[in-house]
């Protein structure tokens, strides 16, 4: 009589599957809660304790870890293995049905402690699955209730499970245990180093531990397939919760991520408008409602069809300031019930994404390249201790310095080559994502128009020539902040001195490719 060992956390359809096995002449062995569920279903079932002669130990941590179990699973159909089983009084186990403690689900819950997580690290279940999967030439292994039907049909038709199906099930098991162990490694690794410290050595081996959350309609373009993955299958996009609007697209998620990173840089109430991964307007004010208009004025044409991120609760005042602008998505730490109701009623397609925590930069940044992956620490702004150094004959005024510091924070989030023109608390022109810095400067100046006069300029990297500075001077810019470090710094500084504008150097570059 063939025998099946059943030990499952997820008991979906286990009674009906076990009933089918019994009806087809199989003997059942089960442990703990699985055995009780089968007894309650009226099925004959032998306990693991009876099979091993040893009761469960350590509060159930040790149940199936015994030679009687693993020899039965790993035995091959040859004389030597049969003799070993007979000599020890053990019997073959022809099928293992097992799924694991919900580690990924546990760590995704708010308030989960380290001890909570540790208790959900399955040992016996993983061992059972790997043993049965290794011996798939002789043993059937099932880790997913969705496969019960196919296995039942195969046994009913052929009185056995075909080798091709056994192999397919084994492959599924090894993928399952791989992802399970990767999730554990990734979770425990997060607490061992501060990933924002660039002096910390990057790991020799990187565990990502991602699970598919949802399939997306398509990728960047309709002919590309796409899906969203997260460290937890229960997470929404960017760790948030979609409160309204259509499903987020691949491009929406990219833009929202860029906007959320940017708005998280500011402590004052702030608004960031992003289009195609580039901010087109950033502003801070006493409230997000007051910050919205100056952010929009920075580039109202590009803002059409963009996404907005704010770092305060979206209320009715903010909703009213949106006017008729077409917005793809809004990200915020929260939405008032009134604001969410109005947005969902009047902007049915606008996605509302609630993200309860700011971007911290604690996780590694990953980028796939051919045959490999690039990994780096996130750019979370200037390192502690960075000093601003005035290099021109004229120092910035208090108002200019306020605008320079704001512009410097903004330029970190613009694609290279990046140029930002700003007044205190608001951008007035942004140029970025261009191979030429002078072109970026000219675009930022053009976007600003008359508002460039009296504004300041920030450049994410040094000026290789004085032409970008001259474009700013001609537009009426009065102060510039940049890293410095060019072999032509003296030429650039001299151009600023001739125009009697202030220039500050930081010594820190903020490329964003």
Protein backbone atom coordinates (compact mmCIF):
# COMPACT_ATOMS: atom_id res chain seq x y z
CA UNK A 1 0.00 0.00 0.00
CA UNK A 2 1.52 3.41 -0.98
CA UNK A 3 1.95 5.89 1.84
CA UNK A 4 1.73 9.69 1.99
CA UNK A 5 3.10 12.00 4.68
CA UNK A 6 1.04 15.15 5.14
CA UNK A 7 2.31 18.14 7.16
CA UNK A 8 0.79 21.43 6.05
CA UNK A 9 0.37 24.90 7.53
CA UNK A 10 -2.02 25.97 4.77
CA UNK A 11 -4.79 23.40 5.02
CA UNK A 12 -6.65 24.55 1.92
CA UNK A 13 -8.38 21.49 0.35
CA UNK A 14 -6.25 19.08 2.38
CA UNK A 15 -9.26 17.09 3.64
CA UNK A 16 -10.64 16.51 0.13
CA UNK A 17 -7.21 15.59 -1.25
CA UNK A 18 -6.53 13.19 1.62
CA UNK A 19 -9.97 11.65 1.15
CA UNK A 20 -9.14 11.00 -2.50
CA UNK A 21 -5.88 9.32 -1.51
CA UNK A 22 -7.62 7.07 1.00
CA UNK A 23 -10.26 6.15 -1.57
CA UNK A 24 -7.46 5.21 -3.98
CA UNK A 25 -5.84 2.90 -1.41
CA UNK A 26 -3.22 5.16 0.13
CA UNK A 27 -2.18 5.10 3.80
CA UNK A 28 -1.85 8.49 5.53
CA UNK A 29 0.74 9.71 8.03
CA UNK A 30 0.39 13.19 9.49
CA UNK A 31 1.67 15.46 12.23
CA UNK A 32 0.10 17.87 14.70
CA UNK A 33 -2.65 20.07 13.38
CA UNK A 34 -2.73 18.33 10.01
CA UNK A 35 -3.45 14.98 11.66
CA UNK A 36 -6.19 16.52 13.77
CA UNK A 37 -7.82 18.05 10.69
CA UNK A 38 -7.83 14.65 8.97
CA UNK A 39 -9.23 12.92 12.06
CA UNK A 40 -11.98 15.55 12.22
CA UNK A 41 -12.73 14.72 8.58
CA UNK A 42 -13.18 11.08 9.60
CA UNK A 43 -10.08 9.78 7.84
CA UNK A 44 -7.80 7.00 9.09
CA UNK A 45 -4.39 8.53 9.76
CA UNK A 46 -1.26 7.39 11.55
CA UNK A 47 0.69 9.92 13.61
CA UNK A 48 4.32 10.79 12.99
CA UNK A 49 4.94 9.81 16.63
CA UNK A 50 3.78 6.27 15.84
CA UNK A 51 6.07 6.16 12.82
CA UNK A 52 9.16 7.36 14.69
CA UNK A 53 8.48 6.10 18.22
CA UNK A 54 9.48 9.56 19.50
CA UNK A 55 7.02 12.24 20.63
CA UNK A 56 7.17 15.80 19.35
CA UNK A 57 9.71 17.89 21.27
CA UNK A 58 10.58 21.50 22.09
CA UNK A 59 7.04 22.75 21.77
CA UNK A 60 6.65 21.16 18.35
CA UNK A 61 9.94 22.42 16.91
CA UNK A 62 11.05 18.81 16.43
CA UNK A 63 8.46 16.40 15.01
CA UNK A 64 9.48 14.94 11.67
CA UNK A 65 13.28 15.17 11.99
CA UNK A 66 13.92 11.44 12.42
CA UNK A 67 15.60 8.69 10.34
CA UNK A 68 12.34 6.76 10.09
CA UNK A 69 10.83 9.68 8.18
CA UNK A 70 13.79 10.71 6.05
CA UNK A 71 14.93 7.19 5.23
CA UNK A 72 11.38 6.46 4.08
CA UNK A 73 11.37 9.54 1.85
CA UNK A 74 14.89 9.16 0.44
CA UNK A 75 14.87 5.39 -0.17
CA UNK A 76 15.37 4.34 -3.78
CA UNK A 77 13.88 1.31 -5.46
CA UNK A 78 16.96 -0.87 -5.16
CA UNK A 79 17.93 -3.89 -3.08
CA UNK A 80 20.43 -2.06 -0.88
CA UNK A 81 17.97 0.65 0.21
CA UNK A 82 15.20 -1.88 0.76
CA UNK A 83 17.52 -3.96 2.95
CA UNK A 84 18.43 -0.87 5.00
CA UNK A 85 14.77 -0.06 5.60
CA UNK A 86 13.98 -3.67 6.56
CA UNK A 87 16.96 -3.82 8.93
CA UNK A 88 15.77 -0.69 10.77
CA UNK A 89 12.07 -1.58 10.62
CA UNK A 90 11.26 1.48 8.50
CA UNK A 91 8.86 1.75 5.54
CA UNK A 92 8.86 3.69 2.26
CA UNK A 93 7.07 7.03 2.09
CA UNK A 94 5.86 7.53 -1.48
CA UNK A 95 4.50 11.06 -1.25
CA UNK A 96 5.18 14.16 0.82
CA UNK A 97 2.55 16.90 1.03
CA UNK A 98 3.93 19.90 2.85
CA UNK A 99 3.82 23.68 2.93
CA UNK A 100 5.71 26.01 5.21
CA UNK A 101 5.20 28.37 8.12
CA UNK A 102 4.17 31.80 6.76
CA UNK A 103 7.47 33.61 7.25
CA UNK A 104 6.95 36.19 4.49
CA UNK A 105 3.44 37.02 5.69
CA UNK A 106 4.64 37.35 9.30
CA UNK A 107 7.41 39.84 8.57
CA UNK A 108 5.05 41.94 6.47
CA UNK A 109 2.79 42.64 9.45
CA UNK A 110 3.28 45.83 11.43
CA UNK A 111 4.75 45.30 14.88
CA UNK A 112 6.37 41.94 14.11
CA UNK A 113 9.29 41.34 16.48
CA UNK A 114 12.50 39.51 15.69
CA UNK A 115 11.34 36.63 17.89
CA UNK A 116 8.03 36.48 16.01
CA UNK A 117 9.92 36.18 12.75
CA UNK A 118 12.32 33.54 14.07
CA UNK A 119 9.45 31.32 15.21
CA UNK A 120 8.09 31.31 11.65
CA UNK A 121 11.33 29.94 10.17
CA UNK A 122 10.34 26.42 9.14
CA UNK A 123 12.97 23.71 9.60
CA UNK A 124 11.24 20.34 9.40
CA UNK A 125 9.00 21.38 6.51
CA UNK A 126 11.87 22.62 4.37
CA UNK A 127 13.78 19.41 5.12
CA UNK A 128 10.83 17.23 4.13
CA UNK A 129 10.33 19.12 0.89
CA UNK A 130 13.98 19.07 -0.11
CA UNK A 131 14.35 15.37 0.69
CA UNK A 132 11.30 14.41 -1.33
CA UNK A 133 12.26 16.74 -4.20
CA UNK A 134 15.76 15.27 -4.31
CA UNK A 135 14.24 11.80 -4.59
CA UNK A 136 11.64 12.76 -7.22
CA UNK A 137 12.61 9.70 -9.27
CA UNK A 138 10.78 7.67 -6.63
CA UNK A 139 8.85 10.15 -4.42
CA UNK A 140 6.07 12.59 -5.23
CA UNK A 141 6.29 15.98 -3.51
CA UNK A 142 3.58 18.65 -3.32
CA UNK A 143 4.05 22.11 -1.82
CA UNK A 144 1.09 23.89 -3.41
CA UNK A 145 -2.59 22.99 -2.87
CA UNK A 146 -3.19 24.03 -6.48
CA UNK A 147 -1.45 20.80 -7.56
CA UNK A 148 -3.73 18.41 -5.64
CA UNK A 149 -6.15 18.08 -8.53
CA UNK A 150 -3.48 17.17 -11.11
CA UNK A 151 -1.91 14.58 -8.82
CA UNK A 152 -5.29 13.05 -8.00
CA UNK A 153 -6.18 12.81 -11.69
CA UNK A 154 -2.82 11.18 -12.48
CA UNK A 155 -3.22 8.51 -9.79
CA UNK A 156 -6.81 7.81 -10.82
CA UNK A 157 -5.77 7.38 -14.45
CA UNK A 158 -2.51 5.44 -14.02
CA UNK A 159 -2.46 4.26 -10.40
CA UNK A 160 0.80 6.23 -10.06
CA UNK A 161 2.27 9.70 -10.58
CA UNK A 162 4.11 10.05 -13.89
CA UNK A 163 7.83 10.86 -13.72
CA UNK A 164 7.38 14.05 -15.74
CA UNK A 165 4.87 15.38 -13.21
CA UNK A 166 7.05 14.31 -10.28
CA UNK A 167 9.96 16.20 -11.77
CA UNK A 168 7.83 19.29 -12.39
CA UNK A 169 6.61 19.22 -8.79
CA UNK A 170 10.20 18.86 -7.54
CA UNK A 171 11.30 21.86 -9.57
CA UNK A 172 8.48 23.86 -8.01
CA UNK A 173 9.59 22.79 -4.54
CA UNK A 174 13.20 23.86 -5.06
CA UNK A 175 12.00 27.25 -6.30
CA UNK A 176 9.73 27.50 -3.26
CA UNK A 177 12.42 26.65 -0.70
CA UNK A 178 14.92 28.88 -2.51
CA UNK A 179 12.57 31.86 -2.26
CA UNK A 180 11.74 31.00 1.35
CA UNK A 181 15.40 30.94 2.39
CA UNK A 182 16.12 34.07 0.37
CA UNK A 183 13.34 35.92 2.21
CA UNK A 184 14.81 34.84 5.56
CA UNK A 185 18.31 35.87 4.56
CA UNK A 186 17.13 39.22 3.22
CA UNK A 187 15.11 39.93 6.38
CA UNK A 188 17.89 39.08 8.81
CA UNK A 189 20.49 40.91 6.71
CA UNK A 190 18.55 44.15 6.91
CA UNK A 191 19.34 44.54 10.57
CA UNK A 192 23.05 43.76 10.40
CA UNK A 193 24.38 46.83 8.54
CA UNK A 194 23.37 50.41 8.00
CA UNK A 195 23.03 50.47 4.23
CA UNK A 196 23.13 54.26 4.14
CA UNK A 197 26.75 54.24 5.26
CA UNK A 198 28.82 54.26 2.09
CA UNK A 199 31.82 52.99 4.03
CA UNK A 200 30.04 49.70 4.74
CA UNK A 201 31.26 47.01 2.37
CA UNK A 202 28.59 45.78 0.00
CA UNK A 203 27.72 42.10 0.53
CA UNK A 204 29.64 39.41 -1.34
CA UNK A 205 26.30 37.73 -2.06
CA UNK A 206 23.05 39.62 -2.37
CA UNK A 207 19.67 38.17 -1.41
CA UNK A 208 16.78 40.13 -2.83
CA UNK A 209 13.84 38.03 -1.60
CA UNK A 210 11.09 39.50 -3.79
CA UNK A 211 7.62 38.09 -4.39
CA UNK A 212 5.22 38.95 -7.17
CA UNK A 213 2.46 41.20 -5.87
CA UNK A 214 0.58 41.76 -9.10
CA UNK A 215 0.82 41.54 -12.85
CA UNK A 216 0.69 44.93 -14.55
CA UNK A 217 -1.18 45.62 -17.77
CA UNK A 218 2.15 46.06 -19.54
CA UNK A 219 5.61 47.58 -19.05
CA UNK A 220 6.95 50.86 -20.35
CA UNK A 221 5.15 50.10 -23.63
CA UNK A 222 2.14 47.90 -24.46
CA UNK A 223 4.28 45.20 -26.12
CA UNK A 224 6.30 44.62 -22.91
CA UNK A 225 5.11 42.31 -20.13
CA UNK A 226 5.55 43.56 -16.56
CA UNK A 227 4.80 42.81 -12.92
CA UNK A 228 5.36 44.45 -9.54
CA UNK A 229 7.44 42.57 -6.95
CA UNK A 230 7.90 43.36 -3.28
CA UNK A 231 9.60 41.97 -0.19
CA UNK A 232 6.14 41.04 1.02
CA UNK A 233 3.27 39.62 -1.01
CA UNK A 234 0.86 41.71 1.08
CA UNK A 235 2.55 45.03 0.27
CA UNK A 236 1.00 47.52 -2.09
CA UNK A 237 3.08 49.56 -4.55
CA UNK A 238 6.03 51.28 -2.82
CA UNK A 239 4.85 49.72 0.44
CA UNK A 240 1.69 51.79 0.29
CA UNK A 241 -2.03 51.27 -0.19
CA UNK A 242 -4.03 52.23 -3.27
CA UNK A 243 -7.10 54.13 -2.06
CA UNK A 244 -8.66 54.99 -5.39
CA UNK A 245 -8.32 55.25 -9.14
CA UNK A 246 -7.19 52.76 -11.75
CA UNK A 247 -4.50 50.14 -11.30
CA UNK A 248 -1.05 51.72 -11.21
CA UNK A 249 0.97 51.21 -14.36
CA UNK A 250 4.67 50.40 -14.67
CA UNK A 251 5.43 54.03 -15.56
CA UNK A 252 3.19 55.37 -12.77
CA UNK A 253 5.14 53.38 -10.19
CA UNK A 254 8.49 54.63 -11.51
CA UNK A 255 7.31 58.24 -11.45
CA UNK A 256 5.74 57.92 -8.01
CA UNK A 257 8.95 56.42 -6.65
CA UNK A 258 10.94 59.40 -8.00
CA UNK A 259 8.42 61.85 -6.59
CA UNK A 260 8.27 60.15 -3.19
CA UNK A 261 12.06 60.10 -2.86
CA UNK A 262 12.15 63.81 -3.64
CA UNK A 263 9.34 64.94 -1.35
CA UNK A 264 10.80 62.87 1.50
CA UNK A 265 13.88 65.12 1.41
CA UNK A 266 11.90 68.08 2.76
CA UNK A 267 10.73 68.67 6.32
CA UNK A 268 8.47 71.64 5.51
CA UNK A 269 5.12 70.98 3.80
CA UNK A 270 6.16 70.30 0.21
CA UNK A 271 4.83 69.36 -3.22
CA UNK A 272 6.79 67.57 -5.94
CA UNK A 273 5.44 67.17 -9.47
CA UNK A 274 7.20 64.52 -11.59
CA UNK A 275 6.92 63.70 -15.27
CA UNK A 276 8.93 60.89 -16.86
CA UNK A 277 11.13 60.43 -13.76
CA UNK A 278 12.15 64.11 -13.65
CA UNK A 279 10.75 66.70 -11.27
CA UNK A 280 9.21 69.58 -13.19
CA UNK A 281 8.20 71.52 -10.09
CA UNK A 282 9.10 71.47 -6.38
CA UNK A 283 7.94 73.89 -3.70
CA UNK A 284 7.72 74.20 0.08
CA UNK A 285 5.36 76.48 2.02
CA UNK A 286 3.29 76.71 5.19
CA UNK A 287 0.91 74.05 3.81
CA UNK A 288 0.81 71.75 0.81
CA UNK A 289 -2.12 73.73 -0.54
CA UNK A 290 0.08 76.84 -0.54
CA UNK A 291 3.05 74.92 -1.99
CA UNK A 292 1.09 73.52 -4.93
CA UNK A 293 0.78 76.70 -7.04
CA UNK A 294 4.49 77.60 -7.04
CA UNK A 295 5.36 73.97 -7.80
CA UNK A 296 2.98 74.01 -10.77
CA UNK A 297 4.22 77.40 -12.00
CA UNK A 298 7.73 75.96 -12.35
CA UNK A 299 6.59 74.11 -15.50
CA UNK A 300 2.81 73.92 -15.99
CA UNK A 301 3.15 72.41 -19.47
CA UNK A 302 5.21 69.42 -18.33
CA UNK A 303 3.04 68.96 -15.24
CA UNK A 304 0.08 67.87 -17.40
CA UNK A 305 -0.29 64.10 -17.01
CA UNK A 306 2.35 63.90 -14.29
CA UNK A 307 2.26 62.53 -10.76
CA UNK A 308 2.27 64.50 -7.51
CA UNK A 309 3.81 63.60 -4.17
CA UNK A 310 3.21 65.55 -0.96
CA UNK A 311 4.60 65.03 2.53
CA UNK A 312 1.47 66.01 4.45
CA UNK A 313 -2.11 64.70 4.57
CA UNK A 314 -4.12 65.54 1.45
CA UNK A 315 -7.10 67.60 2.59
CA UNK A 316 -9.91 69.44 0.81
CA UNK A 317 -7.88 72.65 0.61
CA UNK A 318 -5.21 70.85 -1.41
CA UNK A 319 -7.79 69.13 -3.63
CA UNK A 320 -9.36 72.48 -4.46
CA UNK A 321 -6.01 73.96 -5.50
CA UNK A 322 -5.53 71.23 -8.15
CA UNK A 323 -8.00 72.98 -10.41
CA UNK A 324 -8.40 71.26 -13.77
CA UNK A 325 -4.85 69.85 -14.07
CA UNK A 326 -4.86 66.26 -15.33
CA UNK A 327 -2.95 64.20 -12.75
CA UNK A 328 -2.13 60.51 -13.16
CA UNK A 329 -1.52 59.79 -9.46
CA UNK A 330 -1.10 61.42 -6.05
CA UNK A 331 1.10 59.97 -3.30
CA UNK A 332 0.74 61.17 0.28
CA UNK A 333 1.23 59.87 3.83
CA UNK A 334 -2.56 60.04 4.24
CA UNK A 335 -5.77 61.38 2.72
CA UNK A 336 -8.64 62.87 4.68
CA UNK A 337 -11.86 60.96 4.14
CA UNK A 338 -13.43 64.05 2.57
CA UNK A 339 -10.52 64.58 0.19
CA UNK A 340 -10.45 60.92 -0.85
CA UNK A 341 -14.20 60.98 -1.48
CA UNK A 342 -14.01 64.08 -3.68
CA UNK A 343 -11.00 62.82 -5.62
CA UNK A 344 -12.58 59.42 -6.22
CA UNK A 345 -15.81 61.06 -7.35
CA UNK A 346 -14.41 63.82 -9.58
CA UNK A 347 -11.13 62.20 -10.67
CA UNK A 348 -12.12 58.56 -10.98
CA UNK A 349 -8.97 57.59 -12.90
CA UNK A 350 -6.51 59.40 -10.63
CA UNK A 351 -4.64 56.88 -8.49
CA UNK A 352 -4.46 57.73 -4.78
CA UNK A 353 -1.49 56.05 -3.11
CA UNK A 354 -1.13 56.28 0.65
CA UNK A 355 2.50 55.67 1.72
CA UNK A 356 2.79 55.78 5.51
CA UNK A 357 6.57 56.22 5.74
CA UNK A 358 9.06 58.51 3.96
CA UNK A 359 11.86 57.25 1.73
CA UNK A 360 14.77 56.44 4.04
CA UNK A 361 17.48 55.27 1.65
CA UNK A 362 18.17 52.31 3.94
CA UNK A 363 17.88 49.72 1.18
CA UNK A 364 20.38 49.11 -1.59
CA UNK A 365 19.62 50.50 -5.03
CA UNK A 366 19.69 47.83 -7.73
CA UNK A 367 19.86 48.23 -11.48
CA UNK A 368 19.87 45.35 -13.94
CA UNK A 369 22.49 45.39 -16.67
CA UNK A 370 23.38 42.73 -19.20
CA UNK A 371 24.74 39.63 -17.44
CA UNK A 372 24.69 41.30 -14.05
CA UNK A 373 23.37 43.85 -11.64
CA UNK A 374 24.71 47.14 -10.29
CA UNK A 375 24.26 47.75 -6.57
CA UNK A 376 24.86 50.98 -4.69
CA UNK A 377 23.91 52.86 -1.55
CA UNK A 378 21.09 55.35 -2.09
CA UNK A 379 21.92 59.03 -2.45
CA UNK A 380 20.19 60.62 0.52
CA UNK A 381 21.83 64.02 0.17
CA UNK A 382 25.10 65.51 1.35
CA UNK A 383 27.09 63.41 3.82
CA UNK A 384 27.20 64.72 7.37
CA UNK A 385 29.87 67.37 7.78
CA UNK A 386 29.64 68.74 4.22
CA UNK A 387 30.71 72.38 4.19
CA UNK A 388 29.55 75.06 1.76
CA UNK A 389 32.48 77.17 0.55
CA UNK A 390 32.07 80.58 -1.07
CA UNK A 391 34.61 80.83 -3.90
CA UNK A 392 33.71 84.21 -5.41
CA UNK A 393 34.49 87.75 -4.32
CA UNK A 394 30.85 88.26 -3.40
CA UNK A 395 29.19 85.99 -0.85
CA UNK A 396 25.51 85.06 -1.15
CA UNK A 397 22.96 87.17 0.70
CA UNK A 398 20.81 85.51 3.35
CA UNK A 399 17.93 85.20 0.86
CA UNK A 400 20.22 83.83 -1.83
CA UNK A 401 21.68 81.25 0.55
CA UNK A 402 18.17 80.08 1.46
CA UNK A 403 17.35 79.66 -2.22
CA UNK A 404 20.70 77.95 -2.92
CA UNK A 405 20.16 75.38 -0.18
CA UNK A 406 16.65 74.67 -1.47
CA UNK A 407 17.87 74.38 -5.07
CA UNK A 408 20.74 72.09 -3.98
CA UNK A 409 18.29 69.72 -2.32
CA UNK A 410 16.08 69.74 -5.42
CA UNK A 411 18.87 69.10 -7.94
CA UNK A 412 19.71 65.79 -6.22
CA UNK A 413 16.46 64.38 -7.61
CA UNK A 414 16.82 65.58 -11.21
CA UNK A 415 18.31 63.34 -13.88
CA UNK A 416 21.87 64.24 -14.95
CA UNK A 417 22.99 66.55 -16.31
CA UNK A 418 20.83 68.46 -13.84
CA UNK A 419 20.27 72.20 -13.51
CA UNK A 420 17.71 73.81 -11.18
CA UNK A 421 16.75 77.47 -10.99
CA UNK A 422 14.99 78.45 -7.79
CA UNK A 423 13.86 81.19 -5.46
CA UNK A 424 13.47 80.53 -1.71
CA UNK A 425 11.05 77.60 -1.39
CA UNK A 426 10.28 77.00 -5.07
CA UNK A 427 11.84 75.93 -8.33
CA UNK A 428 11.28 78.22 -11.32
CA UNK A 429 13.05 76.21 -14.03
CA UNK A 430 14.48 72.69 -14.30
CA UNK A 431 16.64 71.13 -17.01
CA UNK A 432 17.83 67.56 -16.76
CA UNK A 433 18.47 64.23 -18.38
CA UNK A 434 20.65 65.73 -21.08
CA UNK A 435 24.18 64.81 -22.26
CA UNK A 436 25.24 68.48 -22.28
CA UNK A 437 25.26 70.63 -19.14
CA UNK A 438 24.99 73.88 -21.08
CA UNK A 439 21.88 72.51 -22.83
CA UNK A 440 20.39 71.67 -19.43
CA UNK A 441 21.17 75.21 -18.24
CA UNK A 442 19.59 76.75 -21.32
CA UNK A 443 16.43 74.65 -20.91
CA UNK A 444 16.14 75.58 -17.23
CA UNK A 445 16.55 79.26 -18.14
CA UNK A 446 13.96 78.95 -20.91
CA UNK A 447 11.50 77.27 -18.55
CA UNK A 448 12.00 80.02 -15.98
CA UNK A 449 11.62 82.89 -18.44
CA UNK A 450 11.45 86.23 -16.62
CA UNK A 451 11.43 84.41 -13.29
CA UNK A 452 15.10 83.56 -13.84
CA UNK A 453 15.98 87.18 -13.03
CA UNK A 454 16.96 87.24 -9.36
CA UNK A 455 16.81 83.43 -9.05
CA UNK A 456 19.70 81.11 -8.11
CA UNK A 457 21.10 78.09 -9.92
CA UNK A 458 22.12 74.62 -8.71
CA UNK A 459 24.17 72.17 -10.78
CA UNK A 460 24.45 68.52 -9.74
CA UNK A 461 28.07 68.33 -10.99
CA UNK A 462 30.83 70.75 -11.89
CA UNK A 463 30.71 73.02 -14.92
CA UNK A 464 33.27 71.72 -17.45
CA UNK A 465 33.23 75.13 -19.14
CA UNK A 466 31.98 78.59 -18.26
CA UNK A 467 29.22 78.46 -20.90
CA UNK A 468 26.55 77.12 -18.52
CA UNK A 469 27.39 79.82 -15.99
CA UNK A 470 27.22 82.49 -18.71
CA UNK A 471 23.76 81.26 -19.72
CA UNK A 472 22.63 81.77 -16.14
CA UNK A 473 24.28 85.19 -15.88
CA UNK A 474 22.63 86.37 -19.10
CA UNK A 475 19.24 85.29 -17.70
CA UNK A 476 19.72 87.31 -14.50
CA UNK A 477 20.70 84.55 -12.04
CA UNK A 478 22.45 86.07 -9.01
CA UNK A 479 24.03 83.05 -7.26
CA UNK A 480 25.16 79.54 -8.13
CA UNK A 481 25.81 76.37 -6.11
CA UNK A 482 27.82 73.49 -7.58
CA UNK A 483 30.28 70.79 -6.45
CA UNK A 484 33.38 72.22 -8.13
CA UNK A 485 36.33 70.05 -9.07
CA UNK A 486 36.70 70.92 -12.76
CA UNK A 487 40.11 71.69 -14.24
CA UNK A 488 38.43 74.92 -15.39
CA UNK A 489 37.08 75.95 -11.97
CA UNK A 490 39.21 79.11 -12.09
CA UNK A 491 37.68 80.07 -15.44
CA UNK A 492 34.16 79.44 -14.11
CA UNK A 493 34.81 81.43 -10.92
CA UNK A 494 36.26 84.33 -12.93
CA UNK A 495 33.12 84.47 -15.08
CA UNK A 496 31.04 84.72 -11.90
CA UNK A 497 33.28 87.42 -10.46
CA UNK A 498 33.05 89.50 -13.64
CA UNK A 499 29.25 89.40 -13.37
CA UNK A 500 29.34 90.08 -9.60
CA UNK A 501 27.35 86.95 -8.79
CA UNK A 502 27.99 84.65 -5.81
CA UNK A 503 29.19 81.07 -6.20
CA UNK A 504 29.23 78.35 -3.55
CA UNK A 505 30.98 74.99 -3.91
CA UNK A 506 30.01 71.88 -1.97
CA UNK A 507 32.62 69.31 -2.97
CA UNK A 508 29.79 66.76 -3.33
CA UNK A 509 28.38 65.53 -6.65
CA UNK A 510 24.81 64.28 -7.09
CA UNK A 511 24.61 62.49 -10.44
CA UNK A 512 21.34 60.65 -11.02
CA UNK A 513 21.63 58.55 -14.17
